[in-house]
């Protein structure tokens, strides 16, 4: 099976401030296999025509608007979106560290999630 991919849903919002370009919208995960280390994110964001920068993604935060319980984290070193969850043998009350979603996981919950994002890019001088 092919690896899962990300795209940005139509209708995102762009705000050009003095020093930053801020884009907010919804990420869409296409079904497939979750790759170890996360799904490619930075290149998807930088492909948006409004992301005019020479320095890459400055910051990106993501969260589930549906309350699915998945934690979405940008890994700046690799430019990927890692999906974290409570480990099967842990719970929120045991303070067990979150674990990355395994490649064998069914991505249906993630594919159907409403993943909201806010990405910031430093403006070109």
N, C-alpha and C. Protein backbone atom coordinates (compact mmCIF):
# COMPACT_ATOMS: atom_id res chain seq x y z
N UNK A 1 0.85 -1.18 0.00
CA UNK A 1 0.00 0.00 0.00
C UNK A 1 0.89 1.24 0.00
N UNK A 2 0.45 2.26 -0.68
CA UNK A 2 1.20 3.52 -0.78
C UNK A 2 1.25 4.22 0.57
N UNK A 3 2.23 5.10 0.74
CA UNK A 3 2.34 5.88 1.96
C UNK A 3 1.25 6.94 2.01
N UNK A 4 0.80 7.26 3.22
CA UNK A 4 -0.19 8.32 3.40
C UNK A 4 0.40 9.66 3.00
N UNK A 5 -0.43 10.54 2.47
CA UNK A 5 0.02 11.87 2.06
C UNK A 5 -0.88 12.94 2.66
N UNK A 6 -0.37 14.16 2.68
CA UNK A 6 -1.12 15.31 3.18
C UNK A 6 -1.43 16.26 2.05
N UNK A 7 -2.52 17.00 2.21
CA UNK A 7 -2.82 18.12 1.33
C UNK A 7 -3.54 19.17 2.16
N UNK A 8 -3.62 20.37 1.63
CA UNK A 8 -4.31 21.47 2.31
C UNK A 8 -5.67 21.63 1.65
N UNK A 9 -6.73 21.62 2.46
CA UNK A 9 -8.07 21.78 1.93
C UNK A 9 -8.28 23.19 1.41
N UNK A 10 -9.13 23.32 0.42
CA UNK A 10 -9.47 24.63 -0.12
C UNK A 10 -10.12 25.48 0.96
N UNK A 11 -9.97 26.79 0.84
CA UNK A 11 -10.60 27.69 1.80
C UNK A 11 -9.68 28.13 2.92
N UNK A 12 -8.37 27.89 2.80
CA UNK A 12 -7.45 28.34 3.84
C UNK A 12 -7.35 29.85 3.83
N UNK A 13 -6.86 30.41 4.94
CA UNK A 13 -6.80 31.87 5.12
C UNK A 13 -5.34 32.29 5.21
N UNK A 14 -5.00 33.40 4.56
CA UNK A 14 -3.64 33.93 4.55
C UNK A 14 -3.65 35.31 5.18
N UNK A 15 -2.67 35.56 6.07
CA UNK A 15 -2.52 36.87 6.71
C UNK A 15 -1.07 37.30 6.53
N UNK A 16 -0.87 38.41 5.85
CA UNK A 16 0.48 38.96 5.65
C UNK A 16 0.72 40.04 6.69
N UNK A 17 1.55 39.74 7.68
CA UNK A 17 1.93 40.74 8.66
C UNK A 17 3.23 41.38 8.20
N UNK A 18 3.79 42.25 9.03
CA UNK A 18 5.01 42.94 8.63
C UNK A 18 6.17 41.97 8.44
N UNK A 19 6.26 40.95 9.29
CA UNK A 19 7.41 40.05 9.23
C UNK A 19 7.06 38.62 8.88
N UNK A 20 5.78 38.24 8.97
CA UNK A 20 5.39 36.85 8.75
C UNK A 20 4.26 36.73 7.74
N UNK A 21 4.23 35.61 7.07
CA UNK A 21 3.07 35.17 6.30
C UNK A 21 2.46 34.05 7.13
N UNK A 22 1.19 34.20 7.50
CA UNK A 22 0.51 33.21 8.32
C UNK A 22 -0.60 32.58 7.49
N UNK A 23 -0.59 31.25 7.42
CA UNK A 23 -1.62 30.52 6.68
C UNK A 23 -2.32 29.59 7.66
N UNK A 24 -3.65 29.66 7.70
CA UNK A 24 -4.45 28.79 8.57
C UNK A 24 -5.44 28.03 7.71
N UNK A 25 -5.66 26.78 8.05
CA UNK A 25 -6.60 25.98 7.28
C UNK A 25 -6.71 24.57 7.82
N UNK A 26 -7.09 23.66 6.95
CA UNK A 26 -7.30 22.27 7.32
C UNK A 26 -6.40 21.36 6.50
N UNK A 27 -5.73 20.43 7.18
CA UNK A 27 -4.92 19.42 6.51
C UNK A 27 -5.79 18.20 6.24
N UNK A 28 -5.57 17.58 5.10
CA UNK A 28 -6.31 16.38 4.72
C UNK A 28 -5.30 15.26 4.54
N UNK A 29 -5.51 14.15 5.24
CA UNK A 29 -4.64 12.98 5.12
C UNK A 29 -5.29 12.00 4.17
N UNK A 30 -4.55 11.60 3.13
CA UNK A 30 -5.03 10.57 2.21
C UNK A 30 -4.69 9.21 2.79
N UNK A 31 -5.57 8.25 2.59
CA UNK A 31 -5.34 6.92 3.17
C UNK A 31 -4.08 6.30 2.59
N UNK A 32 -3.50 5.42 3.33
CA UNK A 32 -2.28 4.73 2.96
C UNK A 32 -1.61 4.21 4.21
N UNK A 33 -0.35 3.92 4.13
CA UNK A 33 0.42 3.42 5.27
C UNK A 33 1.12 4.59 5.94
N UNK A 34 1.03 4.64 7.26
CA UNK A 34 1.72 5.69 8.01
C UNK A 34 3.22 5.41 8.00
N UNK A 35 4.03 6.33 7.47
CA UNK A 35 5.48 6.09 7.42
C UNK A 35 6.14 6.38 8.77
N UNK A 36 7.09 5.55 9.14
CA UNK A 36 7.84 5.78 10.38
C UNK A 36 8.50 7.15 10.30
N UNK A 37 8.37 7.95 11.33
CA UNK A 37 8.93 9.29 11.34
C UNK A 37 7.94 10.37 10.97
N UNK A 38 6.82 9.98 10.36
CA UNK A 38 5.78 10.95 10.06
C UNK A 38 5.52 11.16 8.58
N UNK A 39 4.44 11.88 8.31
CA UNK A 39 4.00 12.17 6.94
C UNK A 39 4.63 13.49 6.50
N UNK A 40 5.09 13.56 5.28
CA UNK A 40 5.73 14.77 4.74
C UNK A 40 4.79 15.96 4.90
N UNK A 41 5.28 17.04 5.52
CA UNK A 41 4.45 18.22 5.80
C UNK A 41 5.02 19.50 5.18
N UNK A 42 6.29 19.80 5.44
CA UNK A 42 6.86 21.09 5.04
C UNK A 42 6.74 21.34 3.54
N UNK A 43 7.01 20.35 2.72
CA UNK A 43 6.95 20.56 1.28
C UNK A 43 5.52 20.82 0.82
N UNK A 44 4.53 20.26 1.52
CA UNK A 44 3.12 20.53 1.20
C UNK A 44 2.79 21.99 1.50
N UNK A 45 3.24 22.48 2.66
CA UNK A 45 2.97 23.87 3.04
C UNK A 45 3.71 24.85 2.13
N UNK A 46 4.96 24.54 1.80
CA UNK A 46 5.76 25.43 0.95
C UNK A 46 5.26 25.45 -0.49
N UNK A 47 4.47 24.47 -0.89
CA UNK A 47 3.91 24.44 -2.24
C UNK A 47 2.72 25.40 -2.40
N UNK A 48 2.18 25.90 -1.29
CA UNK A 48 1.09 26.86 -1.38
C UNK A 48 1.62 28.15 -2.01
N UNK A 49 0.90 28.72 -2.96
CA UNK A 49 1.43 29.90 -3.67
C UNK A 49 1.67 31.10 -2.76
N UNK A 50 0.97 31.20 -1.64
CA UNK A 50 1.13 32.34 -0.73
C UNK A 50 2.34 32.19 0.20
N UNK A 51 2.94 31.03 0.25
CA UNK A 51 4.08 30.79 1.14
C UNK A 51 5.35 31.30 0.47
N UNK A 52 5.47 32.61 0.41
CA UNK A 52 6.63 33.23 -0.25
C UNK A 52 7.73 33.44 0.79
N UNK A 53 8.68 32.54 0.81
CA UNK A 53 9.77 32.60 1.78
C UNK A 53 11.01 31.94 1.20
N UNK A 54 12.16 32.37 1.69
CA UNK A 54 13.42 31.72 1.33
C UNK A 54 13.94 30.87 2.48
N UNK A 55 13.26 30.91 3.63
CA UNK A 55 13.81 30.27 4.82
C UNK A 55 13.00 29.06 5.30
N UNK A 56 12.06 28.57 4.53
CA UNK A 56 11.30 27.38 4.92
C UNK A 56 10.19 27.70 5.91
N UNK A 57 9.63 26.66 6.48
CA UNK A 57 8.55 26.82 7.46
C UNK A 57 9.15 27.29 8.77
N UNK A 58 8.67 28.40 9.28
CA UNK A 58 9.16 28.93 10.55
C UNK A 58 8.54 28.18 11.72
N UNK A 59 7.22 28.00 11.66
CA UNK A 59 6.52 27.31 12.76
C UNK A 59 5.20 26.79 12.20
N UNK A 60 4.77 25.62 12.70
CA UNK A 60 3.46 25.08 12.32
C UNK A 60 2.89 24.31 13.51
N UNK A 61 1.68 24.70 13.90
CA UNK A 61 0.99 23.97 14.95
C UNK A 61 -0.26 23.34 14.35
N UNK A 62 -0.62 22.17 14.85
CA UNK A 62 -1.77 21.43 14.35
C UNK A 62 -2.53 20.84 15.52
N UNK A 63 -3.84 20.72 15.36
CA UNK A 63 -4.65 20.07 16.39
C UNK A 63 -5.91 19.52 15.76
N UNK A 64 -6.48 18.53 16.44
CA UNK A 64 -7.73 17.94 15.98
C UNK A 64 -8.89 18.81 16.44
N UNK A 65 -9.70 19.27 15.50
CA UNK A 65 -10.90 20.03 15.84
C UNK A 65 -12.06 19.08 16.17
N UNK A 66 -11.86 17.79 15.90
CA UNK A 66 -12.91 16.80 16.16
C UNK A 66 -12.76 16.12 17.52
N UNK A 67 -11.63 16.34 18.18
CA UNK A 67 -11.40 15.72 19.48
C UNK A 67 -11.13 14.23 19.40
N UNK A 68 -10.40 13.79 18.39
CA UNK A 68 -10.14 12.36 18.21
C UNK A 68 -9.16 11.80 19.23
N UNK A 69 -8.35 12.67 19.82
CA UNK A 69 -7.35 12.20 20.78
C UNK A 69 -5.96 12.06 20.19
N UNK A 70 -5.84 12.13 18.87
CA UNK A 70 -4.52 12.09 18.25
C UNK A 70 -3.82 13.42 18.47
N UNK A 71 -2.50 13.37 18.67
CA UNK A 71 -1.68 14.57 18.81
C UNK A 71 -0.84 14.68 17.54
N UNK A 72 -0.93 15.83 16.90
CA UNK A 72 -0.18 16.07 15.67
C UNK A 72 0.98 17.02 15.98
N UNK A 73 2.19 16.60 15.62
CA UNK A 73 3.40 17.33 15.97
C UNK A 73 4.28 17.51 14.74
N UNK A 74 4.71 18.73 14.48
CA UNK A 74 5.66 18.96 13.38
C UNK A 74 7.06 18.67 13.89
N UNK A 75 7.79 17.87 13.14
CA UNK A 75 9.19 17.59 13.44
C UNK A 75 10.02 18.45 12.48
N UNK A 76 10.56 19.55 13.00
CA UNK A 76 11.26 20.53 12.16
C UNK A 76 12.48 19.94 11.46
N UNK A 77 13.19 19.04 12.11
CA UNK A 77 14.41 18.49 11.53
C UNK A 77 14.14 17.67 10.27
N UNK A 78 12.97 17.06 10.18
CA UNK A 78 12.65 16.23 9.02
C UNK A 78 11.54 16.81 8.15
N UNK A 79 10.86 17.85 8.63
CA UNK A 79 9.77 18.45 7.87
C UNK A 79 8.55 17.56 7.76
N UNK A 80 8.30 16.77 8.80
CA UNK A 80 7.18 15.83 8.77
C UNK A 80 6.17 16.11 9.88
N UNK A 81 4.98 15.55 9.73
CA UNK A 81 3.95 15.60 10.76
C UNK A 81 3.89 14.23 11.42
N UNK A 82 4.29 14.17 12.69
CA UNK A 82 4.24 12.92 13.43
C UNK A 82 2.90 12.84 14.16
N UNK A 83 2.32 11.66 14.16
CA UNK A 83 1.05 11.44 14.85
C UNK A 83 1.35 10.63 16.11
N UNK A 84 0.94 11.17 17.26
CA UNK A 84 1.20 10.53 18.54
C UNK A 84 -0.12 10.09 19.17
N UNK A 85 -0.04 9.05 20.01
CA UNK A 85 -1.21 8.55 20.72
C UNK A 85 -0.78 8.00 22.08
N UNK A 86 -1.76 7.78 22.95
CA UNK A 86 -1.49 7.17 24.24
C UNK A 86 -1.11 5.71 23.99
N UNK A 87 -0.04 5.20 24.61
CA UNK A 87 0.37 3.82 24.37
C UNK A 87 -0.71 2.84 24.87
N UNK A 88 -0.82 1.68 24.23
CA UNK A 88 -1.86 0.71 24.60
C UNK A 88 -1.77 0.26 26.06
N UNK A 89 -0.57 0.20 26.62
CA UNK A 89 -0.42 -0.26 28.00
C UNK A 89 -0.32 0.90 28.99
N UNK A 90 -0.56 2.12 28.54
CA UNK A 90 -0.50 3.28 29.42
C UNK A 90 -1.82 4.01 29.43
N UNK A 91 -1.86 5.08 30.15
CA UNK A 91 -3.06 5.92 30.16
C UNK A 91 -2.62 7.33 30.49
N UNK A 92 -3.52 8.24 30.36
CA UNK A 92 -3.20 9.62 30.66
C UNK A 92 -2.87 9.77 32.15
N UNK A 93 -3.48 8.96 32.99
CA UNK A 93 -3.25 9.06 34.44
C UNK A 93 -1.92 8.46 34.87
N UNK A 94 -1.29 7.61 34.05
CA UNK A 94 -0.01 7.01 34.44
C UNK A 94 1.17 7.85 33.99
N UNK A 95 0.91 8.93 33.27
CA UNK A 95 1.96 9.83 32.76
C UNK A 95 2.93 9.09 31.84
N UNK A 96 2.44 8.05 31.17
CA UNK A 96 3.27 7.35 30.19
C UNK A 96 3.50 8.27 29.00
N UNK A 97 4.70 8.29 28.44
CA UNK A 97 4.94 9.16 27.29
C UNK A 97 4.12 8.70 26.09
N UNK A 98 3.73 9.66 25.26
CA UNK A 98 2.98 9.31 24.06
C UNK A 98 3.89 8.54 23.11
N UNK A 99 3.29 7.72 22.25
CA UNK A 99 4.08 6.98 21.28
C UNK A 99 3.60 7.29 19.87
N UNK A 100 4.52 7.16 18.93
CA UNK A 100 4.19 7.40 17.53
C UNK A 100 3.23 6.32 17.03
N UNK A 101 2.31 6.72 16.20
CA UNK A 101 1.38 5.78 15.59
C UNK A 101 2.19 4.74 14.82
N UNK A 102 1.91 3.45 15.01
CA UNK A 102 2.68 2.43 14.28
C UNK A 102 2.28 2.38 12.80
N UNK A 103 3.19 1.91 11.95
CA UNK A 103 2.92 1.81 10.52
C UNK A 103 1.79 0.83 10.22
N UNK A 104 1.55 -0.09 11.14
CA UNK A 104 0.49 -1.09 10.94
C UNK A 104 -0.90 -0.57 11.34
N UNK A 105 -0.97 0.65 11.87
CA UNK A 105 -2.24 1.19 12.36
C UNK A 105 -3.21 1.49 11.22
N UNK A 106 -4.48 1.35 11.52
CA UNK A 106 -5.52 1.73 10.58
C UNK A 106 -5.65 3.26 10.65
N UNK A 107 -5.47 3.94 9.54
CA UNK A 107 -5.48 5.41 9.52
C UNK A 107 -6.88 6.00 9.35
N UNK A 108 -7.91 5.20 9.42
CA UNK A 108 -9.26 5.70 9.18
C UNK A 108 -9.62 6.86 10.11
N UNK A 109 -9.24 6.77 11.39
CA UNK A 109 -9.52 7.85 12.33
C UNK A 109 -8.81 9.14 11.97
N UNK A 110 -7.60 9.03 11.43
CA UNK A 110 -6.82 10.20 11.03
C UNK A 110 -7.35 10.77 9.72
N UNK A 111 -7.69 9.89 8.78
CA UNK A 111 -8.21 10.32 7.48
C UNK A 111 -9.51 11.11 7.67
N UNK A 112 -10.34 10.69 8.61
CA UNK A 112 -11.62 11.36 8.85
C UNK A 112 -11.53 12.51 9.85
N UNK A 113 -10.34 12.78 10.38
CA UNK A 113 -10.18 13.84 11.37
C UNK A 113 -10.19 15.21 10.71
N UNK A 114 -10.57 16.22 11.47
CA UNK A 114 -10.54 17.62 11.04
C UNK A 114 -9.28 18.23 11.65
N UNK A 115 -8.17 18.19 10.92
CA UNK A 115 -6.88 18.64 11.43
C UNK A 115 -6.69 20.11 11.04
N UNK A 116 -6.79 21.00 12.02
CA UNK A 116 -6.61 22.43 11.78
C UNK A 116 -5.13 22.78 11.98
N UNK A 117 -4.61 23.67 11.14
CA UNK A 117 -3.21 24.06 11.26
C UNK A 117 -3.05 25.57 11.17
N UNK A 118 -1.95 26.04 11.72
CA UNK A 118 -1.50 27.43 11.59
C UNK A 118 -0.01 27.36 11.26
N UNK A 119 0.34 27.79 10.06
CA UNK A 119 1.74 27.77 9.63
C UNK A 119 2.24 29.19 9.48
N UNK A 120 3.47 29.43 9.91
CA UNK A 120 4.08 30.75 9.83
C UNK A 120 5.37 30.65 9.01
N UNK A 121 5.56 31.63 8.15
CA UNK A 121 6.74 31.71 7.31
C UNK A 121 7.32 33.11 7.44
N UNK A 122 8.65 33.23 7.52
CA UNK A 122 9.27 34.55 7.53
C UNK A 122 9.18 35.12 6.12
N UNK A 123 8.75 36.37 6.04
CA UNK A 123 8.60 37.02 4.73
C UNK A 123 9.95 37.24 4.08
N UNK A 124 9.95 37.18 2.77
CA UNK A 124 11.18 37.54 2.04
C UNK A 124 11.44 39.02 2.20
N UNK A 125 12.69 39.38 2.31
CA UNK A 125 13.05 40.79 2.49
C UNK A 125 12.98 41.55 1.19
